[in-house]
Amino acid sequence: LPHKLLLATFRTKAEGGQQAIDDAGYAALYQQLLAQGELDLLD
């Protein structure tokens, strides 16, 4: 996507998503995305 933006989202089941995840797991997932991934936006 050299000409578009990438948004990463884990929508929790509590807010209409498909999977439940606790706060610690949610934070750990996002921390690794930010540390090792490539993205423009994070929900």
PDB file of all heavy atoms in Angstrom:
ATOM      1  N   LEU A   1       0.821  -1.216   0.000  1.00  0.00           N
ATOM      2  CA  LEU A   1       0.000   0.000   0.000  1.00  0.00           C
ATOM      3  C   LEU A   1       0.855   1.266   0.000  1.00  0.00           C
ATOM      4  O   LEU A   1       0.754   2.095   0.915  1.00  0.00           O
ATOM      5  CB  LEU A   1      -0.928   0.003   1.224  1.00  0.00           C
ATOM      6  CG  LEU A   1      -1.942  -1.144   1.294  1.00  0.00           C
ATOM      7  CD1 LEU A   1      -2.617  -1.181   2.658  1.00  0.00           C
ATOM      8  CD2 LEU A   1      -2.980  -1.003   0.184  1.00  0.00           C
ATOM      9  N   PRO A   2       1.670   1.466  -1.029  1.00  0.00           N
ATOM     10  CA  PRO A   2       2.516   2.670  -1.034  1.00  0.00           C
ATOM     11  C   PRO A   2       1.734   3.974  -1.165  1.00  0.00           C
ATOM     12  O   PRO A   2       2.241   5.031  -0.795  1.00  0.00           O
ATOM     13  CB  PRO A   2       3.421   2.444  -2.261  1.00  0.00           C
ATOM     14  CG  PRO A   2       2.633   1.546  -3.151  1.00  0.00           C
ATOM     15  CD  PRO A   2       1.892   0.622  -2.219  1.00  0.00           C
ATOM     16  N   HIS A   3       0.490   3.882  -1.663  1.00  0.00           N
ATOM     17  CA  HIS A   3      -0.293   5.095  -1.898  1.00  0.00           C
ATOM     18  C   HIS A   3      -1.571   5.145  -1.073  1.00  0.00           C
ATOM     19  O   HIS A   3      -2.426   6.002  -1.300  1.00  0.00           O
ATOM     20  CB  HIS A   3      -0.631   5.223  -3.386  1.00  0.00           C
ATOM     21  CG  HIS A   3       0.576   5.166  -4.283  1.00  0.00           C
ATOM     22  ND1 HIS A   3       1.594   6.096  -4.208  1.00  0.00           N
ATOM     23  CD2 HIS A   3       0.938   4.267  -5.231  1.00  0.00           C
ATOM     24  CE1 HIS A   3       2.530   5.783  -5.102  1.00  0.00           C
ATOM     25  NE2 HIS A   3       2.160   4.687  -5.722  1.00  0.00           N
ATOM     26  N   LYS A   4      -1.710   4.232  -0.140  1.00  0.00           N
ATOM     27  CA  LYS A   4      -2.879   4.219   0.736  1.00  0.00           C
ATOM     28  C   LYS A   4      -2.420   4.009   2.173  1.00  0.00           C
ATOM     29  O   LYS A   4      -1.268   3.647   2.422  1.00  0.00           O
ATOM     30  CB  LYS A   4      -3.859   3.117   0.314  1.00  0.00           C
ATOM     31  CG  LYS A   4      -4.359   3.273  -1.129  1.00  0.00           C
ATOM     32  CD  LYS A   4      -5.437   2.286  -1.454  1.00  0.00           C
ATOM     33  CE  LYS A   4      -5.770   2.303  -2.950  1.00  0.00           C
ATOM     34  NZ  LYS A   4      -6.200   3.637  -3.410  1.00  0.00           N
ATOM     35  N   LEU A   5      -3.328   4.245   3.103  1.00  0.00           N
ATOM     36  CA  LEU A   5      -3.014   4.101   4.520  1.00  0.00           C
ATOM     37  C   LEU A   5      -3.525   2.768   5.048  1.00  0.00           C
ATOM     38  O   LEU A   5      -4.573   2.271   4.615  1.00  0.00           O
ATOM     39  CB  LEU A   5      -3.642   5.245   5.321  1.00  0.00           C
ATOM     40  CG  LEU A   5      -3.242   6.666   4.921  1.00  0.00           C
ATOM     41  CD1 LEU A   5      -3.969   7.687   5.785  1.00  0.00           C
ATOM     42  CD2 LEU A   5      -1.738   6.856   5.008  1.00  0.00           C
ATOM     43  N   LEU A   6      -2.785   2.206   6.003  1.00  0.00           N
ATOM     44  CA  LEU A   6      -3.181   0.957   6.650  1.00  0.00           C
ATOM     45  C   LEU A   6      -3.616   1.243   8.082  1.00  0.00           C
ATOM     46  O   LEU A   6      -2.857   1.805   8.880  1.00  0.00           O
ATOM     47  CB  LEU A   6      -2.014  -0.035   6.644  1.00  0.00           C
ATOM     48  CG  LEU A   6      -2.295  -1.390   7.325  1.00  0.00           C
ATOM     49  CD1 LEU A   6      -3.403  -2.145   6.608  1.00  0.00           C
ATOM     50  CD2 LEU A   6      -1.017  -2.232   7.385  1.00  0.00           C
ATOM     51  N   LEU A   7      -4.842   0.851   8.386  1.00  0.00           N
ATOM     52  CA  LEU A   7      -5.424   0.971   9.724  1.00  0.00           C
ATOM     53  C   LEU A   7      -5.553  -0.419  10.319  1.00  0.00           C
ATOM     54  O   LEU A   7      -6.103  -1.318   9.682  1.00  0.00           O
ATOM     55  CB  LEU A   7      -6.806   1.636   9.619  1.00  0.00           C
ATOM     56  CG  LEU A   7      -7.787   1.462  10.785  1.00  0.00           C
ATOM     57  CD1 LEU A   7      -7.260   2.115  12.061  1.00  0.00           C
ATOM     58  CD2 LEU A   7      -9.156   2.039  10.408  1.00  0.00           C
ATOM     59  N   ALA A   8      -5.045  -0.616  11.514  1.00  0.00           N
ATOM     60  CA  ALA A   8      -5.183  -1.897  12.210  1.00  0.00           C
ATOM     61  C   ALA A   8      -6.209  -1.761  13.335  1.00  0.00           C
ATOM     62  O   ALA A   8      -6.172  -0.789  14.107  1.00  0.00           O
ATOM     63  CB  ALA A   8      -3.839  -2.349  12.785  1.00  0.00           C
ATOM     64  N   THR A   9      -7.109  -2.748  13.409  1.00  0.00           N
ATOM     65  CA  THR A   9      -8.185  -2.716  14.400  1.00  0.00           C
ATOM     66  C   THR A   9      -8.432  -4.101  14.959  1.00  0.00           C
ATOM     67  O   THR A   9      -8.637  -5.050  14.181  1.00  0.00           O
ATOM     68  CB  THR A   9      -9.504  -2.212  13.773  1.00  0.00           C
ATOM     69  OG1 THR A   9      -9.331  -0.893  13.260  1.00  0.00           O
ATOM     70  CG2 THR A   9     -10.634  -2.210  14.788  1.00  0.00           C
ATOM     71  N   PHE A  10      -8.412  -4.229  16.272  1.00  0.00           N
ATOM     72  CA  PHE A  10      -8.970  -5.411  16.922  1.00  0.00           C
ATOM     73  C   PHE A  10     -10.246  -4.944  17.603  1.00  0.00           C
ATOM     74  O   PHE A  10     -10.195  -4.321  18.667  1.00  0.00           O
ATOM     75  CB  PHE A  10      -8.011  -6.027  17.943  1.00  0.00           C
ATOM     76  CG  PHE A  10      -8.466  -7.380  18.429  1.00  0.00           C
ATOM     77  CD1 PHE A  10      -7.871  -8.534  17.954  1.00  0.00           C
ATOM     78  CD2 PHE A  10      -9.521  -7.500  19.328  1.00  0.00           C
ATOM     79  CE1 PHE A  10      -8.307  -9.783  18.381  1.00  0.00           C
ATOM     80  CE2 PHE A  10      -9.965  -8.732  19.758  1.00  0.00           C
ATOM     81  CZ  PHE A  10      -9.358  -9.889  19.287  1.00  0.00           C
ATOM     82  N   ARG A  11     -11.388  -5.221  16.953  1.00  0.00           N
ATOM     83  CA  ARG A  11     -12.660  -4.826  17.541  1.00  0.00           C
ATOM     84  C   ARG A  11     -13.086  -5.891  18.536  1.00  0.00           C
ATOM     85  O   ARG A  11     -13.325  -7.046  18.160  1.00  0.00           O
ATOM     86  CB  ARG A  11     -13.714  -4.657  16.427  1.00  0.00           C
ATOM     87  CG  ARG A  11     -15.088  -4.242  16.932  1.00  0.00           C
ATOM     88  CD  ARG A  11     -15.103  -2.834  17.512  1.00  0.00           C
ATOM     89  NE  ARG A  11     -14.691  -1.866  16.506  1.00  0.00           N
ATOM     90  CZ  ARG A  11     -13.658  -1.029  16.657  1.00  0.00           C
ATOM     91  NH1 ARG A  11     -12.936  -1.036  17.782  1.00  0.00           N
ATOM     92  NH2 ARG A  11     -13.349  -0.171  15.715  1.00  0.00           N
ATOM     93  N   THR A  12     -13.149  -5.556  19.801  1.00  0.00           N
ATOM     94  CA  THR A  12     -13.458  -6.536  20.830  1.00  0.00           C
ATOM     95  C   THR A  12     -14.930  -6.932  20.771  1.00  0.00           C
ATOM     96  O   THR A  12     -15.781  -6.196  20.273  1.00  0.00           O
ATOM     97  CB  THR A  12     -13.143  -5.984  22.225  1.00  0.00           C
ATOM     98  OG1 THR A  12     -14.032  -4.904  22.517  1.00  0.00           O
ATOM     99  CG2 THR A  12     -11.705  -5.483  22.312  1.00  0.00           C
ATOM    100  N   LYS A  13     -15.208  -8.118  21.275  1.00  0.00           N
ATOM    101  CA  LYS A  13     -16.589  -8.609  21.270  1.00  0.00           C
ATOM    102  C   LYS A  13     -17.508  -7.669  22.033  1.00  0.00           C
ATOM    103  O   LYS A  13     -18.681  -7.502  21.692  1.00  0.00           O
ATOM    104  CB  LYS A  13     -16.646 -10.016  21.868  1.00  0.00           C
ATOM    105  CG  LYS A  13     -17.939 -10.750  21.550  1.00  0.00           C
ATOM    106  CD  LYS A  13     -17.789 -12.243  21.795  1.00  0.00           C
ATOM    107  CE  LYS A  13     -19.028 -12.971  21.276  1.00  0.00           C
ATOM    108  NZ  LYS A  13     -18.897 -14.430  21.445  1.00  0.00           N
ATOM    109  N   ALA A  14     -16.973  -7.024  23.060  1.00  0.00           N
ATOM    110  CA  ALA A  14     -17.764  -6.090  23.857  1.00  0.00           C
ATOM    111  C   ALA A  14     -18.254  -4.910  23.033  1.00  0.00           C
ATOM    112  O   ALA A  14     -19.261  -4.281  23.381  1.00  0.00           O
ATOM    113  CB  ALA A  14     -16.941  -5.585  25.041  1.00  0.00           C
ATOM    114  N   GLU A  15     -17.554  -4.607  21.933  1.00  0.00           N
ATOM    115  CA  GLU A  15     -17.955  -3.477  21.099  1.00  0.00           C
ATOM    116  C   GLU A  15     -18.307  -3.921  19.672  1.00  0.00           C
ATOM    117  O   GLU A  15     -18.174  -3.155  18.719  1.00  0.00           O
ATOM    118  CB  GLU A  15     -16.856  -2.415  21.087  1.00  0.00           C
ATOM    119  CG  GLU A  15     -16.618  -1.822  22.462  1.00  0.00           C
ATOM    120  CD  GLU A  15     -16.222  -0.354  22.457  1.00  0.00           C
ATOM    121  OE1 GLU A  15     -16.330   0.298  21.402  1.00  0.00           O
ATOM    122  OE2 GLU A  15     -15.817   0.141  23.523  1.00  0.00           O
ATOM    123  N   GLY A  16     -18.800  -5.159  19.565  1.00  0.00           N
ATOM    124  CA  GLY A  16     -19.322  -5.610  18.287  1.00  0.00           C
ATOM    125  C   GLY A  16     -18.400  -6.464  17.448  1.00  0.00           C
ATOM    126  O   GLY A  16     -18.756  -6.843  16.332  1.00  0.00           O
ATOM    127  N   GLY A  17     -17.205  -6.786  17.952  1.00  0.00           N
ATOM    128  CA  GLY A  17     -16.259  -7.607  17.200  1.00  0.00           C
ATOM    129  C   GLY A  17     -16.529  -9.088  17.348  1.00  0.00           C
ATOM    130  O   GLY A  17     -17.496  -9.505  17.986  1.00  0.00           O
ATOM    131  N   GLN A  18     -15.630  -9.901  16.794  1.00  0.00           N
ATOM    132  CA  GLN A  18     -15.831 -11.349  16.755  1.00  0.00           C
ATOM    133  C   GLN A  18     -15.188 -12.089  17.919  1.00  0.00           C
ATOM    134  O   GLN A  18     -15.592 -13.202  18.221  1.00  0.00           O
ATOM    135  CB  GLN A  18     -15.256 -11.908  15.447  1.00  0.00           C
ATOM    136  CG  GLN A  18     -16.078 -11.567  14.233  1.00  0.00           C
ATOM    137  CD  GLN A  18     -17.433 -12.242  14.247  1.00  0.00           C
ATOM    138  OE1 GLN A  18     -18.465 -11.609  14.509  1.00  0.00           O
ATOM    139  NE2 GLN A  18     -17.453 -13.528  13.988  1.00  0.00           N
ATOM    140  N   GLN A  19     -14.187 -11.482  18.555  1.00  0.00           N
ATOM    141  CA  GLN A  19     -13.458 -12.202  19.593  1.00  0.00           C
ATOM    142  C   GLN A  19     -13.401 -11.396  20.887  1.00  0.00           C
ATOM    143  O   GLN A  19     -13.243 -10.176  20.859  1.00  0.00           O
ATOM    144  CB  GLN A  19     -12.019 -12.491  19.138  1.00  0.00           C
ATOM    145  CG  GLN A  19     -11.896 -13.353  17.905  1.00  0.00           C
ATOM    146  CD  GLN A  19     -10.449 -13.657  17.571  1.00  0.00           C
ATOM    147  OE1 GLN A  19      -9.628 -13.905  18.457  1.00  0.00           O
ATOM    148  NE2 GLN A  19     -10.122 -13.626  16.284  1.00  0.00           N
ATOM    149  N   ALA A  20     -13.521 -12.110  21.986  1.00  0.00           N
ATOM    150  CA  ALA A  20     -13.303 -11.493  23.295  1.00  0.00           C
ATOM    151  C   ALA A  20     -11.808 -11.507  23.602  1.00  0.00           C
ATOM    152  O   ALA A  20     -11.089 -12.424  23.205  1.00  0.00           O
ATOM    153  CB  ALA A  20     -14.067 -12.246  24.380  1.00  0.00           C
ATOM    154  N   ILE A  21     -11.356 -10.477  24.295  1.00  0.00           N
ATOM    155  CA  ILE A  21      -9.954 -10.385  24.693  1.00  0.00           C
ATOM    156  C   ILE A  21      -9.896  -9.534  25.946  1.00  0.00           C
ATOM    157  O   ILE A  21     -10.618  -8.536  26.060  1.00  0.00           O
ATOM    158  CB  ILE A  21      -9.089  -9.782  23.554  1.00  0.00           C
ATOM    159  CG1 ILE A  21      -7.599  -9.862  23.885  1.00  0.00           C
ATOM    160  CG2 ILE A  21      -9.519  -8.363  23.230  1.00  0.00           C
ATOM    161  CD1 ILE A  21      -6.699  -9.494  22.702  1.00  0.00           C
ATOM    162  N   ASP A  22      -9.071  -9.935  26.909  1.00  0.00           N
ATOM    163  CA  ASP A  22      -8.992  -9.124  28.126  1.00  0.00           C
ATOM    164  C   ASP A  22      -8.067  -7.925  27.886  1.00  0.00           C
ATOM    165  O   ASP A  22      -7.379  -7.835  26.867  1.00  0.00           O
ATOM    166  CB  ASP A  22      -8.549  -9.954  29.331  1.00  0.00           C
ATOM    167  CG  ASP A  22      -7.166 -10.580  29.182  1.00  0.00           C
ATOM    168  OD1 ASP A  22      -6.333 -10.056  28.404  1.00  0.00           O
ATOM    169  OD2 ASP A  22      -6.915 -11.594  29.856  1.00  0.00           O
ATOM    170  N   ASP A  23      -8.076  -7.007  28.826  1.00  0.00           N
ATOM    171  CA  ASP A  23      -7.329  -5.769  28.640  1.00  0.00           C
ATOM    172  C   ASP A  23      -5.833  -6.011  28.515  1.00  0.00           C
ATOM    173  O   ASP A  23      -5.148  -5.343  27.730  1.00  0.00           O
ATOM    174  CB  ASP A  23      -7.602  -4.804  29.806  1.00  0.00           C
ATOM    175  CG  ASP A  23      -8.989  -4.184  29.731  1.00  0.00           C
ATOM    176  OD1 ASP A  23      -9.562  -4.139  28.624  1.00  0.00           O
ATOM    177  OD2 ASP A  23      -9.496  -3.726  30.769  1.00  0.00           O
ATOM    178  N   ALA A  24      -5.314  -6.982  29.265  1.00  0.00           N
ATOM    179  CA  ALA A  24      -3.881  -7.268  29.189  1.00  0.00           C
ATOM    180  C   ALA A  24      -3.511  -7.822  27.815  1.00  0.00           C
ATOM    181  O   ALA A  24      -2.489  -7.424  27.218  1.00  0.00           O
ATOM    182  CB  ALA A  24      -3.483  -8.254  30.288  1.00  0.00           C
ATOM    183  N   GLY A  25      -4.344  -8.722  27.299  1.00  0.00           N
ATOM    184  CA  GLY A  25      -4.086  -9.283  25.981  1.00  0.00           C
ATOM    185  C   GLY A  25      -4.217  -8.250  24.877  1.00  0.00           C
ATOM    186  O   GLY A  25      -3.422  -8.237  23.919  1.00  0.00           O
ATOM    187  N   TYR A  26      -5.203  -7.374  25.016  1.00  0.00           N
ATOM    188  CA  TYR A  26      -5.421  -6.295  24.052  1.00  0.00           C
ATOM    189  C   TYR A  26      -4.207  -5.373  24.010  1.00  0.00           C
ATOM    190  O   TYR A  26      -3.689  -5.045  22.938  1.00  0.00           O
ATOM    191  CB  TYR A  26      -6.669  -5.530  24.484  1.00  0.00           C
ATOM    192  CG  TYR A  26      -7.133  -4.403  23.587  1.00  0.00           C
ATOM    193  CD1 TYR A  26      -7.945  -4.647  22.490  1.00  0.00           C
ATOM    194  CD2 TYR A  26      -6.799  -3.076  23.879  1.00  0.00           C
ATOM    195  CE1 TYR A  26      -8.415  -3.609  21.695  1.00  0.00           C
ATOM    196  CE2 TYR A  26      -7.252  -2.035  23.093  1.00  0.00           C
ATOM    197  CZ  TYR A  26      -8.068  -2.303  22.008  1.00  0.00           C
ATOM    198  OH  TYR A  26      -8.517  -1.267  21.221  1.00  0.00           O
ATOM    199  N   ALA A  27      -3.726  -4.988  25.187  1.00  0.00           N
ATOM    200  CA  ALA A  27      -2.570  -4.088  25.259  1.00  0.00           C
ATOM    201  C   ALA A  27      -1.320  -4.757  24.698  1.00  0.00           C
ATOM    202  O   ALA A  27      -0.555  -4.143  23.942  1.00  0.00           O
ATOM    203  CB  ALA A  27      -2.334  -3.653  26.705  1.00  0.00           C
ATOM    204  N   ALA A  28      -1.109  -6.020  25.031  1.00  0.00           N
ATOM    205  CA  ALA A  28       0.081  -6.731  24.561  1.00  0.00           C
ATOM    206  C   ALA A  28       0.080  -6.880  23.040  1.00  0.00           C
ATOM    207  O   ALA A  28       1.113  -6.720  22.384  1.00  0.00           O
ATOM    208  CB  ALA A  28       0.166  -8.101  25.226  1.00  0.00           C
ATOM    209  N   LEU A  29      -1.085  -7.179  22.477  1.00  0.00           N
ATOM    210  CA  LEU A  29      -1.206  -7.306  21.026  1.00  0.00           C
ATOM    211  C   LEU A  29      -0.848  -5.994  20.338  1.00  0.00           C
ATOM    212  O   LEU A  29      -0.033  -5.954  19.403  1.00  0.00           O
ATOM    213  CB  LEU A  29      -2.639  -7.712  20.672  1.00  0.00           C
ATOM    214  CG  LEU A  29      -2.999  -7.720  19.182  1.00  0.00           C
ATOM    215  CD1 LEU A  29      -2.152  -8.729  18.415  1.00  0.00           C
ATOM    216  CD2 LEU A  29      -4.494  -8.023  19.012  1.00  0.00           C
ATOM    217  N   TYR A  30      -1.431  -4.913  20.818  1.00  0.00           N
ATOM    218  CA  TYR A  30      -1.183  -3.605  20.206  1.00  0.00           C
ATOM    219  C   TYR A  30       0.259  -3.135  20.423  1.00  0.00           C
ATOM    220  O   TYR A  30       0.850  -2.506  19.548  1.00  0.00           O
ATOM    221  CB  TYR A  30      -2.181  -2.587  20.748  1.00  0.00           C
ATOM    222  CG  TYR A  30      -3.490  -2.536  19.987  1.00  0.00           C
ATOM    223  CD1 TYR A  30      -3.815  -3.459  19.001  1.00  0.00           C
ATOM    224  CD2 TYR A  30      -4.411  -1.526  20.257  1.00  0.00           C
ATOM    225  CE1 TYR A  30      -4.998  -3.384  18.314  1.00  0.00           C
ATOM    226  CE2 TYR A  30      -5.611  -1.436  19.563  1.00  0.00           C
ATOM    227  CZ  TYR A  30      -5.905  -2.370  18.591  1.00  0.00           C
ATOM    228  OH  TYR A  30      -7.096  -2.277  17.901  1.00  0.00           O
ATOM    229  N   GLN A  31       0.805  -3.431  21.583  1.00  0.00           N
ATOM    230  CA  GLN A  31       2.198  -3.043  21.838  1.00  0.00           C
ATOM    231  C   GLN A  31       3.139  -3.692  20.828  1.00  0.00           C
ATOM    232  O   GLN A  31       4.055  -3.043  20.312  1.00  0.00           O
ATOM    233  CB  GLN A  31       2.589  -3.437  23.272  1.00  0.00           C
ATOM    234  CG  GLN A  31       2.008  -2.536  24.343  1.00  0.00           C
ATOM    235  CD  GLN A  31       2.121  -3.138  25.735  1.00  0.00           C
ATOM    236  OE1 GLN A  31       2.650  -4.246  25.907  1.00  0.00           O
ATOM    237  NE2 GLN A  31       1.626  -2.430  26.736  1.00  0.00           N
ATOM    238  N   GLN A  32       2.884  -4.968  20.523  1.00  0.00           N
ATOM    239  CA  GLN A  32       3.751  -5.652  19.565  1.00  0.00           C
ATOM    240  C   GLN A  32       3.515  -5.152  18.136  1.00  0.00           C
ATOM    241  O   GLN A  32       4.457  -5.044  17.353  1.00  0.00           O
ATOM    242  CB  GLN A  32       3.556  -7.163  19.637  1.00  0.00           C
ATOM    243  CG  GLN A  32       4.599  -7.933  18.820  1.00  0.00           C
ATOM    244  CD  GLN A  32       4.950  -9.262  19.447  1.00  0.00           C
ATOM    245  OE1 GLN A  32       4.663  -9.518  20.606  1.00  0.00           O
ATOM    246  NE2 GLN A  32       5.584 -10.124  18.678  1.00  0.00           N
ATOM    247  N   LEU A  33       2.261  -4.840  17.810  1.00  0.00           N
ATOM    248  CA  LEU A  33       1.986  -4.259  16.491  1.00  0.00           C
ATOM    249  C   LEU A  33       2.782  -2.976  16.303  1.00  0.00           C
ATOM    250  O   LEU A  33       3.374  -2.742  15.248  1.00  0.00           O
ATOM    251  CB  LEU A  33       0.501  -3.943  16.340  1.00  0.00           C
ATOM    252  CG  LEU A  33      -0.482  -5.078  16.091  1.00  0.00           C
ATOM    253  CD1 LEU A  33      -1.871  -4.505  15.892  1.00  0.00           C
ATOM    254  CD2 LEU A  33      -0.078  -5.931  14.906  1.00  0.00           C
ATOM    255  N   LEU A  34       2.787  -2.144  17.331  1.00  0.00           N
ATOM    256  CA  LEU A  34       3.484  -0.860  17.242  1.00  0.00           C
ATOM    257  C   LEU A  34       5.002  -1.035  17.243  1.00  0.00           C
ATOM    258  O   LEU A  34       5.718  -0.283  16.586  1.00  0.00           O
ATOM    259  CB  LEU A  34       3.053   0.039  18.403  1.00  0.00           C
ATOM    260  CG  LEU A  34       1.606   0.550  18.323  1.00  0.00           C
ATOM    261  CD1 LEU A  34       1.173   1.168  19.650  1.00  0.00           C
ATOM    262  CD2 LEU A  34       1.447   1.566  17.198  1.00  0.00           C
ATOM    263  N   ALA A  35       5.487  -2.017  17.974  1.00  0.00           N
ATOM    264  CA  ALA A  35       6.934  -2.211  18.079  1.00  0.00           C
ATOM    265  C   ALA A  35       7.521  -2.923  16.868  1.00  0.00           C
ATOM    266  O   ALA A  35       8.640  -2.611  16.439  1.00  0.00           O
ATOM    267  CB  ALA A  35       7.260  -3.006  19.351  1.00  0.00           C
ATOM    268  N   GLN A  36       6.769  -3.864  16.296  1.00  0.00           N
ATOM    269  CA  GLN A  36       7.329  -4.711  15.244  1.00  0.00           C
ATOM    270  C   GLN A  36       6.571  -4.651  13.920  1.00  0.00           C
ATOM    271  O   GLN A  36       7.050  -5.178  12.915  1.00  0.00           O
ATOM    272  CB  GLN A  36       7.386  -6.170  15.720  1.00  0.00           C
ATOM    273  CG  GLN A  36       8.271  -6.363  16.942  1.00  0.00           C
ATOM    274  CD  GLN A  36       8.350  -7.826  17.368  1.00  0.00           C
ATOM    275  OE1 GLN A  36       7.822  -8.715  16.720  1.00  0.00           O
ATOM    276  NE2 GLN A  36       9.026  -8.064  18.484  1.00  0.00           N
ATOM    277  N   GLY A  37       5.413  -4.040  13.917  1.00  0.00           N
ATOM    278  CA  GLY A  37       4.625  -3.985  12.699  1.00  0.00           C
ATOM    279  C   GLY A  37       4.851  -2.693  11.928  1.00  0.00           C
ATOM    280  O   GLY A  37       5.697  -1.865  12.280  1.00  0.00           O
ATOM    281  N   GLU A  38       4.068  -2.546  10.843  1.00  0.00           N
ATOM    282  CA  GLU A  38       4.079  -1.331  10.031  1.00  0.00           C
ATOM    283  C   GLU A  38       2.631  -0.941   9.790  1.00  0.00           C
ATOM    284  O   GLU A  38       1.860  -1.709   9.205  1.00  0.00           O
ATOM    285  CB  GLU A  38       4.774  -1.575   8.680  1.00  0.00           C
ATOM    286  CG  GLU A  38       6.266  -1.781   8.766  1.00  0.00           C
ATOM    287  CD  GLU A  38       7.036  -0.468   8.845  1.00  0.00           C
ATOM    288  OE1 GLU A  38       6.388   0.597   8.840  1.00  0.00           O
ATOM    289  OE2 GLU A  38       8.275  -0.524   8.919  1.00  0.00           O
ATOM    290  N   LEU A  39       2.253   0.256  10.220  1.00  0.00           N
ATOM    291  CA  LEU A  39       0.894   0.729  10.041  1.00  0.00           C
ATOM    292  C   LEU A  39       0.866   2.247  10.150  1.00  0.00           C
ATOM    293  O   LEU A  39       1.788   2.863  10.696  1.00  0.00           O
ATOM    294  CB  LEU A  39      -0.059   0.092  11.058  1.00  0.00           C
ATOM    295  CG  LEU A  39       0.236   0.291  12.546  1.00  0.00           C
ATOM    296  CD1 LEU A  39      -1.043   0.221  13.364  1.00  0.00           C
ATOM    297  CD2 LEU A  39       1.189  -0.800  13.050  1.00  0.00           C
ATOM    298  N   ASP A  40      -0.195   2.827   9.614  1.00  0.00           N
ATOM    299  CA  ASP A  40      -0.364   4.283   9.652  1.00  0.00           C
ATOM    300  C   ASP A  40      -1.310   4.720  10.756  1.00  0.00           C
ATOM    301  O   ASP A  40      -1.130   5.792  11.342  1.00  0.00           O
ATOM    302  CB  ASP A  40      -0.921   4.781   8.306  1.00  0.00           C
ATOM    303  CG  ASP A  40      -0.012   4.457   7.151  1.00  0.00           C
ATOM    304  OD1 ASP A  40       1.066   5.080   7.062  1.00  0.00           O
ATOM    305  OD2 ASP A  40      -0.362   3.583   6.331  1.00  0.00           O
ATOM    306  N   LEU A  41      -2.321   3.881  11.018  1.00  0.00           N
ATOM    307  CA  LEU A  41      -3.358   4.227  11.984  1.00  0.00           C
ATOM    308  C   LEU A  41      -3.684   3.013  12.841  1.00  0.00           C
ATOM    309  O   LEU A  41      -3.621   1.870  12.375  1.00  0.00           O
ATOM    310  CB  LEU A  41      -4.644   4.679  11.273  1.00  0.00           C
ATOM    311  CG  LEU A  41      -4.560   5.903  10.376  1.00  0.00           C
ATOM    312  CD1 LEU A  41      -5.218   5.614   9.035  1.00  0.00           C
ATOM    313  CD2 LEU A  41      -5.243   7.095  11.022  1.00  0.00           C
ATOM    314  N   LEU A  42      -4.069   3.280  14.090  1.00  0.00           N
ATOM    315  CA  LEU A  42      -4.450   2.220  15.019  1.00  0.00           C
ATOM    316  C   LEU A  42      -5.745   2.621  15.713  1.00  0.00           C
ATOM    317  O   LEU A  42      -5.836   3.713  16.264  1.00  0.00           O
ATOM    318  CB  LEU A  42      -3.350   1.993  16.060  1.00  0.00           C
ATOM    319  CG  LEU A  42      -3.586   0.882  17.095  1.00  0.00           C
ATOM    320  CD1 LEU A  42      -3.594  -0.484  16.413  1.00  0.00           C
ATOM    321  CD2 LEU A  42      -2.519   0.929  18.190  1.00  0.00           C
ATOM    322  N   ASP A  43      -6.743   1.737  15.659  1.00  0.00           N
ATOM    323  CA  ASP A  43      -8.011   1.967  16.358  1.00  0.00           C
ATOM    324  C   ASP A  43      -7.883   1.446  17.785  1.00  0.00           C
ATOM    325  O   ASP A  43      -7.616   0.269  18.008  1.00  0.00           O
ATOM    326  CB  ASP A  43      -9.145   1.251  15.626  1.00  0.00           C
ATOM    327  CG  ASP A  43     -10.505   1.454  16.282  1.00  0.00           C
ATOM    328  OD1 ASP A  43     -10.669   1.051  17.455  1.00  0.00           O
ATOM    329  OD2 ASP A  43     -11.412   1.995  15.633  1.00  0.00           O
TER     330      ASP A  43
END
